[in-house]
Protein backbone atom coordinates (compact mmCIF):
# COMPACT_ATOMS: atom_id res chain seq x y z
CA MET A 1 -1.85 -20.67 -34.18
CA ILE A 2 -4.18 -18.88 -32.02
CA TYR A 3 -2.77 -20.21 -29.01
CA LEU A 4 0.53 -18.14 -29.13
CA PRO A 5 -1.07 -14.96 -29.22
CA VAL A 6 -3.74 -15.52 -26.58
CA THR A 7 -0.84 -17.20 -24.20
CA LEU A 8 1.48 -14.28 -24.55
CA LEU A 9 -1.59 -11.97 -23.86
CA LEU A 10 -2.12 -13.71 -20.76
CA PHE A 11 1.29 -13.69 -19.83
CA LEU A 12 1.39 -9.76 -20.28
CA LEU A 13 -1.83 -9.59 -18.19
CA PHE A 14 -0.04 -11.37 -15.33
CA LEU A 15 2.99 -9.24 -15.50
CA LEU A 16 0.89 -6.11 -15.20
CA ILE A 17 -1.31 -7.69 -11.85
CA PHE A 18 1.69 -9.57 -10.48
CA PRO A 19 2.61 -6.22 -8.32
CA PHE A 20 -0.81 -5.66 -7.27
CA ILE A 21 -1.27 -9.62 -6.00
CA ARG A 22 2.10 -9.13 -4.26
CA LEU A 23 1.05 -6.00 -2.12
CA ALA A 24 -2.13 -7.42 -1.29
CA ILE A 25 -0.46 -10.56 0.30
CA THR A 26 2.31 -8.39 1.57
CA THR A 27 -0.36 -6.03 3.27
CA ASP A 28 -2.23 -9.34 4.52
CA VAL A 29 0.59 -10.77 6.32
CA GLU A 30 1.84 -7.52 7.77
CA VAL A 31 -1.67 -7.16 9.23
CA ALA A 32 -1.85 -11.14 10.44
CA VAL A 33 1.67 -11.05 11.71
CA ALA A 34 0.99 -7.48 13.60
CA LYS A 35 -2.51 -9.26 15.41
CA LEU A 36 0.16 -12.21 16.34
CA GLY A 37 2.22 -9.30 18.20
CA PHE A 38 5.23 -9.34 15.58
CA SER A 39 6.53 -6.33 14.07
CA PRO A 40 5.85 -5.27 10.58
CA GLY A 41 9.38 -5.44 9.73
CA PHE A 42 9.91 -9.04 10.90
CA ALA A 43 6.31 -9.64 8.79
CA LEU A 44 8.03 -8.81 5.26
CA CYS A 45 11.45 -10.69 6.45
CA GLY A 46 9.38 -13.68 6.71
CA LEU A 47 7.43 -13.13 3.66
CA PHE A 48 10.22 -12.29 1.13
CA ALA A 49 12.09 -15.61 3.05
CA LEU A 50 8.95 -17.85 1.91
CA LEU A 51 8.87 -16.51 -1.51
CA LEU A 52 12.57 -16.82 -1.99
CA THR A 53 12.77 -20.73 -1.17
C-alpha cells in the first residue's frame, strides 16, 4: 500500500525535473555540435529527430 504514493511522488518529481534535464542535454549537444563546425539550429534539429525516433 505504501508503494503507490511513493511511486506517484517520484513520477511527479520526474515531471518537474524533466524540462531542466532536457534543457541541459540540449545545451550540451549544441555546444558539442558547434565545436564540430555545424550550426546550433542543425544541432537542435538533429537532437529532436533523435528524441522522436
